[in-house]
């Protein structure tokens, strides 16, 4: 019984060709070429995975989601940056994973408290 190379499944034929070429390069003393191609393919497969994982970690460390101190609208921004609230337009600074109003030096920021009129009459 003879096995004809041309009658094999195309996928099996591809892998057999790769195996034979690799074996011949190893026999001829060019195994380093096979190893360098294998290392290059490994690097090409691992690099995108590392980039995606690195980007996710960087976003987790630098992306801040908090409420605006003026209108309490919750949105996201990068840590240690200056941004503007999309709801009220207030200019904010992101520090310590929270939004703070950007005020000139010497400005005193006051929080108003609503008092009911019946409390004053008593």
N, C-alpha and C. Protein backbone atom coordinates (compact mmCIF):
# COMPACT_ATOMS: atom_id res chain seq x y z
N UNK A 1 0.84 -1.17 0.00
CA UNK A 1 0.00 0.00 0.00
C UNK A 1 0.89 1.24 0.00
N UNK A 2 0.71 2.10 -0.93
CA UNK A 2 1.53 3.31 -1.02
C UNK A 2 0.69 4.52 -0.63
N UNK A 3 1.35 5.46 0.01
CA UNK A 3 0.69 6.68 0.45
C UNK A 3 1.13 7.80 -0.47
N UNK A 4 0.20 8.37 -1.18
CA UNK A 4 0.54 9.44 -2.09
C UNK A 4 0.40 10.78 -1.35
N UNK A 5 1.43 11.57 -1.43
CA UNK A 5 1.48 12.85 -0.71
C UNK A 5 0.40 13.81 -1.23
N UNK A 6 0.12 13.77 -2.52
CA UNK A 6 -0.84 14.70 -3.12
C UNK A 6 -2.28 14.36 -2.72
N UNK A 7 -2.53 13.12 -2.33
CA UNK A 7 -3.90 12.72 -1.99
C UNK A 7 -4.26 12.96 -0.53
N UNK A 8 -3.33 13.50 0.25
CA UNK A 8 -3.60 13.77 1.67
C UNK A 8 -4.48 14.99 1.85
N UNK A 9 -5.08 15.06 2.99
CA UNK A 9 -5.88 16.22 3.39
C UNK A 9 -4.97 17.47 3.33
N UNK A 10 -5.44 18.60 2.81
CA UNK A 10 -4.58 19.79 2.70
C UNK A 10 -4.01 20.26 4.04
N UNK A 11 -4.78 20.14 5.09
CA UNK A 11 -4.29 20.55 6.41
C UNK A 11 -3.17 19.62 6.87
N UNK A 12 -3.39 18.34 6.72
CA UNK A 12 -2.37 17.36 7.10
C UNK A 12 -1.12 17.52 6.23
N UNK A 13 -1.31 17.79 4.94
CA UNK A 13 -0.19 18.01 4.04
C UNK A 13 0.64 19.23 4.48
N UNK A 14 -0.04 20.32 4.90
CA UNK A 14 0.66 21.51 5.38
C UNK A 14 1.54 21.19 6.59
N UNK A 15 0.97 20.49 7.58
CA UNK A 15 1.73 20.19 8.80
C UNK A 15 2.87 19.20 8.52
N UNK A 16 2.65 18.26 7.64
CA UNK A 16 3.73 17.35 7.27
C UNK A 16 4.86 18.09 6.57
N UNK A 17 4.51 19.05 5.70
CA UNK A 17 5.54 19.85 5.03
C UNK A 17 6.34 20.66 6.05
N UNK A 18 5.66 21.27 7.00
CA UNK A 18 6.35 22.03 8.05
C UNK A 18 7.28 21.12 8.84
N UNK A 19 6.80 19.94 9.19
CA UNK A 19 7.61 18.98 9.95
C UNK A 19 8.84 18.55 9.16
N UNK A 20 8.70 18.25 7.88
CA UNK A 20 9.82 17.81 7.05
C UNK A 20 10.84 18.95 6.87
N UNK A 21 10.35 20.17 6.62
CA UNK A 21 11.27 21.30 6.44
C UNK A 21 12.02 21.57 7.74
N UNK A 22 11.34 21.50 8.86
CA UNK A 22 11.99 21.71 10.15
C UNK A 22 13.05 20.63 10.40
N UNK A 23 12.73 19.39 10.10
CA UNK A 23 13.69 18.30 10.29
C UNK A 23 14.91 18.48 9.38
N UNK A 24 14.68 18.87 8.11
CA UNK A 24 15.79 19.07 7.19
C UNK A 24 16.69 20.23 7.64
N UNK A 25 16.09 21.31 8.11
CA UNK A 25 16.90 22.43 8.60
C UNK A 25 17.73 22.02 9.82
N UNK A 26 17.15 21.19 10.68
CA UNK A 26 17.90 20.69 11.84
C UNK A 26 19.04 19.79 11.44
N UNK A 27 18.81 18.94 10.43
CA UNK A 27 19.85 18.04 9.95
C UNK A 27 20.98 18.83 9.30
N UNK A 28 20.66 19.90 8.59
CA UNK A 28 21.67 20.70 7.90
C UNK A 28 22.41 21.66 8.84
N UNK A 29 22.06 21.67 10.10
CA UNK A 29 22.74 22.54 11.06
C UNK A 29 22.12 23.93 11.13
N UNK A 30 20.90 24.08 10.64
CA UNK A 30 20.22 25.37 10.70
C UNK A 30 19.07 25.35 11.72
N UNK A 31 19.26 24.60 12.76
CA UNK A 31 18.25 24.54 13.82
C UNK A 31 18.03 25.88 14.49
N UNK A 32 19.06 26.70 14.52
CA UNK A 32 18.92 28.04 15.12
C UNK A 32 17.90 28.87 14.35
N UNK A 33 17.77 28.63 13.03
CA UNK A 33 16.79 29.35 12.22
C UNK A 33 15.38 28.96 12.63
N UNK A 34 15.17 27.68 12.85
CA UNK A 34 13.86 27.19 13.29
C UNK A 34 13.53 27.76 14.66
N UNK A 35 14.52 27.76 15.56
CA UNK A 35 14.29 28.29 16.90
C UNK A 35 13.98 29.78 16.87
N UNK A 36 14.66 30.54 16.02
CA UNK A 36 14.41 31.98 15.97
C UNK A 36 13.03 32.27 15.40
N UNK A 37 12.58 31.50 14.42
CA UNK A 37 11.23 31.68 13.87
C UNK A 37 10.20 31.32 14.93
N UNK A 38 10.44 30.24 15.67
CA UNK A 38 9.50 29.85 16.73
C UNK A 38 9.42 30.92 17.82
N UNK A 39 10.55 31.49 18.18
CA UNK A 39 10.56 32.54 19.20
C UNK A 39 9.84 33.78 18.68
N UNK A 40 10.04 34.13 17.42
CA UNK A 40 9.36 35.27 16.82
C UNK A 40 7.85 35.06 16.81
N UNK A 41 7.39 33.87 16.45
CA UNK A 41 5.96 33.57 16.47
C UNK A 41 5.40 33.64 17.89
N UNK A 42 6.15 33.16 18.85
CA UNK A 42 5.71 33.22 20.25
C UNK A 42 5.59 34.67 20.71
N UNK A 43 6.55 35.49 20.35
CA UNK A 43 6.50 36.91 20.72
C UNK A 43 5.29 37.58 20.06
N UNK A 44 5.03 37.26 18.80
CA UNK A 44 3.88 37.85 18.10
C UNK A 44 2.55 37.42 18.70
N UNK A 45 2.49 36.24 19.30
CA UNK A 45 1.25 35.79 19.93
C UNK A 45 1.07 36.36 21.33
N UNK A 46 2.16 36.53 22.07
CA UNK A 46 2.08 36.97 23.46
C UNK A 46 1.94 38.49 23.59
N UNK A 47 2.52 39.25 22.67
CA UNK A 47 2.52 40.71 22.77
C UNK A 47 1.12 41.31 22.83
N UNK A 48 0.17 40.94 21.97
CA UNK A 48 -1.17 41.54 22.08
C UNK A 48 -1.85 41.24 23.40
N UNK A 49 -1.65 40.04 23.93
CA UNK A 49 -2.26 39.69 25.21
C UNK A 49 -1.69 40.57 26.32
N UNK A 50 -0.37 40.75 26.33
CA UNK A 50 0.26 41.59 27.35
C UNK A 50 -0.17 43.05 27.22
N UNK A 51 -0.33 43.52 25.99
CA UNK A 51 -0.78 44.89 25.79
C UNK A 51 -2.20 45.11 26.31
N UNK A 52 -3.10 44.17 26.06
CA UNK A 52 -4.48 44.29 26.54
C UNK A 52 -4.53 44.25 28.06
N UNK A 53 -3.81 43.33 28.66
CA UNK A 53 -3.79 43.24 30.13
C UNK A 53 -3.16 44.50 30.73
N UNK A 54 -2.08 44.99 30.14
CA UNK A 54 -1.45 46.21 30.63
C UNK A 54 -2.36 47.42 30.52
N UNK A 55 -3.09 47.54 29.41
CA UNK A 55 -4.03 48.65 29.25
C UNK A 55 -5.15 48.59 30.27
N UNK A 56 -5.66 47.40 30.54
CA UNK A 56 -6.71 47.25 31.54
C UNK A 56 -6.21 47.64 32.93
N UNK A 57 -5.00 47.22 33.29
CA UNK A 57 -4.44 47.59 34.59
C UNK A 57 -4.21 49.10 34.69
N UNK A 58 -3.68 49.70 33.62
CA UNK A 58 -3.44 51.14 33.62
C UNK A 58 -4.75 51.90 33.78
N UNK A 59 -5.80 51.49 33.08
CA UNK A 59 -7.10 52.15 33.22
C UNK A 59 -7.67 51.97 34.62
N UNK A 60 -7.49 50.80 35.20
CA UNK A 60 -8.00 50.56 36.56
C UNK A 60 -7.30 51.48 37.56
N UNK A 61 -6.01 51.76 37.35
CA UNK A 61 -5.26 52.60 38.29
C UNK A 61 -5.50 54.08 38.05
N UNK A 62 -5.76 54.49 36.81
CA UNK A 62 -5.83 55.92 36.53
C UNK A 62 -7.23 56.44 36.27
N UNK A 63 -8.20 55.61 35.97
CA UNK A 63 -9.54 56.09 35.69
C UNK A 63 -10.31 56.26 37.00
N UNK A 64 -10.86 57.45 37.19
CA UNK A 64 -11.60 57.77 38.42
C UNK A 64 -13.06 58.01 38.05
N UNK A 65 -13.96 57.35 38.75
CA UNK A 65 -15.39 57.59 38.60
C UNK A 65 -15.90 58.11 39.93
N UNK A 66 -16.38 59.36 39.91
CA UNK A 66 -16.86 60.00 41.13
C UNK A 66 -17.93 61.02 40.76
N UNK A 67 -18.51 61.63 41.79
CA UNK A 67 -19.56 62.62 41.59
C UNK A 67 -18.97 64.02 41.59
N UNK A 68 -19.56 64.90 40.78
CA UNK A 68 -19.16 66.31 40.75
C UNK A 68 -19.52 66.94 42.09
N UNK A 69 -18.63 67.71 42.71
CA UNK A 69 -18.96 68.31 44.01
C UNK A 69 -20.02 69.42 43.90
N UNK A 70 -20.30 69.91 42.72
CA UNK A 70 -21.27 70.98 42.55
C UNK A 70 -22.67 70.43 42.29
N UNK A 71 -22.80 69.57 41.27
CA UNK A 71 -24.13 69.09 40.87
C UNK A 71 -24.39 67.62 41.17
N UNK A 72 -23.42 66.91 41.68
CA UNK A 72 -23.49 65.49 42.04
C UNK A 72 -23.70 64.57 40.84
N UNK A 73 -23.33 65.04 39.64
CA UNK A 73 -23.39 64.19 38.45
C UNK A 73 -22.18 63.28 38.46
N UNK A 74 -22.39 61.99 38.29
CA UNK A 74 -21.30 61.02 38.34
C UNK A 74 -20.74 60.79 36.93
N UNK A 75 -19.43 60.94 36.78
CA UNK A 75 -18.75 60.71 35.51
C UNK A 75 -17.33 60.26 35.77
N UNK A 76 -16.61 59.96 34.70
CA UNK A 76 -15.25 59.41 34.81
C UNK A 76 -14.23 60.35 34.19
N UNK A 77 -13.02 60.32 34.74
CA UNK A 77 -11.90 61.08 34.21
C UNK A 77 -10.61 60.41 34.68
N UNK A 78 -9.50 60.87 34.12
CA UNK A 78 -8.20 60.32 34.52
C UNK A 78 -7.69 61.01 35.77
N UNK A 79 -7.01 60.26 36.62
CA UNK A 79 -6.47 60.79 37.87
C UNK A 79 -5.39 61.84 37.60
N UNK A 80 -5.30 62.85 38.46
CA UNK A 80 -4.31 63.93 38.39
C UNK A 80 -4.41 64.73 37.09
N UNK A 81 -5.64 64.99 36.65
CA UNK A 81 -5.87 65.81 35.47
C UNK A 81 -6.91 66.88 35.78
N UNK A 82 -7.04 67.83 34.88
CA UNK A 82 -8.07 68.85 34.99
C UNK A 82 -9.16 68.51 33.99
N UNK A 83 -10.41 68.60 34.41
CA UNK A 83 -11.53 68.24 33.55
C UNK A 83 -12.69 69.19 33.78
N UNK A 84 -13.73 69.02 33.00
CA UNK A 84 -14.92 69.86 33.14
C UNK A 84 -16.12 68.94 33.29
N UNK A 85 -17.01 69.27 34.23
CA UNK A 85 -18.20 68.46 34.45
C UNK A 85 -19.09 68.56 33.21
N UNK A 86 -19.52 67.42 32.66
CA UNK A 86 -20.37 67.47 31.48
C UNK A 86 -21.78 67.98 31.78
N UNK A 87 -22.22 67.96 33.03
CA UNK A 87 -23.58 68.39 33.37
C UNK A 87 -23.65 69.89 33.66
N UNK A 88 -22.78 70.37 34.55
CA UNK A 88 -22.88 71.78 34.96
C UNK A 88 -21.78 72.66 34.39
N UNK A 89 -20.74 72.09 33.82
CA UNK A 89 -19.67 72.86 33.20
C UNK A 89 -18.62 73.36 34.17
N UNK A 90 -18.67 72.96 35.42
CA UNK A 90 -17.69 73.39 36.42
C UNK A 90 -16.33 72.79 36.11
N UNK A 91 -15.27 73.61 36.21
CA UNK A 91 -13.91 73.13 35.98
C UNK A 91 -13.46 72.42 37.26
N UNK A 92 -13.00 71.18 37.11
CA UNK A 92 -12.64 70.35 38.25
C UNK A 92 -11.22 69.81 38.09
N UNK A 93 -10.62 69.49 39.22
CA UNK A 93 -9.32 68.83 39.26
C UNK A 93 -9.53 67.47 39.91
N UNK A 94 -8.91 66.44 39.35
CA UNK A 94 -9.02 65.10 39.91
C UNK A 94 -7.80 64.85 40.79
N UNK A 95 -8.03 64.78 42.10
CA UNK A 95 -6.96 64.50 43.07
C UNK A 95 -7.45 63.46 44.06
N UNK A 96 -6.58 62.56 44.43
CA UNK A 96 -6.90 61.53 45.43
C UNK A 96 -8.18 60.78 45.09
N UNK A 97 -8.36 60.47 43.80
CA UNK A 97 -9.49 59.70 43.31
C UNK A 97 -10.84 60.37 43.58
N UNK A 98 -10.87 61.71 43.64
CA UNK A 98 -12.11 62.47 43.77
C UNK A 98 -12.01 63.76 42.97
N UNK A 99 -13.16 64.33 42.66
CA UNK A 99 -13.20 65.59 41.94
C UNK A 99 -13.23 66.74 42.95
N UNK A 100 -12.40 67.75 42.69
CA UNK A 100 -12.37 68.96 43.53
C UNK A 100 -12.51 70.17 42.63
N UNK A 101 -13.20 71.19 43.13
CA UNK A 101 -13.37 72.42 42.35
C UNK A 101 -12.02 73.09 42.17
N UNK A 102 -11.81 73.67 41.01
CA UNK A 102 -10.60 74.42 40.73
C UNK A 102 -10.88 75.88 41.08
N UNK A 103 -10.30 76.33 42.17
CA UNK A 103 -10.52 77.70 42.64
C UNK A 103 -9.20 78.43 42.71
N UNK A 104 -9.22 79.76 42.49
CA UNK A 104 -7.98 80.53 42.60
C UNK A 104 -7.47 80.53 44.05
N UNK A 105 -6.18 80.75 44.25
CA UNK A 105 -5.65 80.79 45.61
C UNK A 105 -6.33 81.90 46.43
N UNK A 106 -6.62 81.61 47.68
CA UNK A 106 -7.25 82.58 48.57
C UNK A 106 -8.77 82.50 48.57
N UNK A 107 -9.36 81.67 47.72
CA UNK A 107 -10.81 81.54 47.67
C UNK A 107 -11.26 80.57 48.76
N UNK A 108 -12.28 80.97 49.49
CA UNK A 108 -12.85 80.12 50.53
C UNK A 108 -14.10 79.47 49.95
N UNK A 109 -14.12 78.17 49.92
CA UNK A 109 -15.26 77.43 49.38
C UNK A 109 -16.21 77.12 50.53
N UNK A 110 -17.45 77.57 50.40
CA UNK A 110 -18.44 77.43 51.47
C UNK A 110 -19.55 76.52 50.98
N UNK A 111 -20.00 75.62 51.86
CA UNK A 111 -21.13 74.77 51.55
C UNK A 111 -22.35 75.35 52.25
N UNK A 112 -23.38 75.66 51.47
CA UNK A 112 -24.60 76.25 52.03
C UNK A 112 -25.47 75.16 52.64
N UNK A 113 -26.13 75.50 53.75
CA UNK A 113 -27.03 74.60 54.43
C UNK A 113 -28.41 75.23 54.42
N UNK A 114 -29.41 74.48 53.98
CA UNK A 114 -30.77 75.01 53.94
C UNK A 114 -31.40 74.88 55.31
N UNK A 115 -31.99 76.00 55.80
CA UNK A 115 -32.63 76.02 57.10
C UNK A 115 -34.12 76.28 56.89
N UNK A 116 -34.95 75.49 57.54
CA UNK A 116 -36.39 75.63 57.43
C UNK A 116 -36.83 76.86 58.22
N UNK A 117 -37.77 77.63 57.72
CA UNK A 117 -38.23 78.87 58.36
C UNK A 117 -38.91 78.59 59.70
N UNK A 118 -39.54 77.45 59.87
CA UNK A 118 -40.22 77.17 61.16
C UNK A 118 -39.21 76.95 62.28
N UNK A 119 -38.01 76.54 61.95
CA UNK A 119 -37.00 76.33 62.97
C UNK A 119 -36.54 77.68 63.52
N UNK A 120 -36.46 78.70 62.67
CA UNK A 120 -36.02 80.02 63.09
C UNK A 120 -37.04 80.68 64.00
N UNK A 121 -38.36 80.49 63.75
CA UNK A 121 -39.40 81.12 64.54
C UNK A 121 -39.45 80.58 65.96
N UNK A 122 -39.07 79.38 66.20
CA UNK A 122 -39.17 78.77 67.55
C UNK A 122 -38.14 79.31 68.45
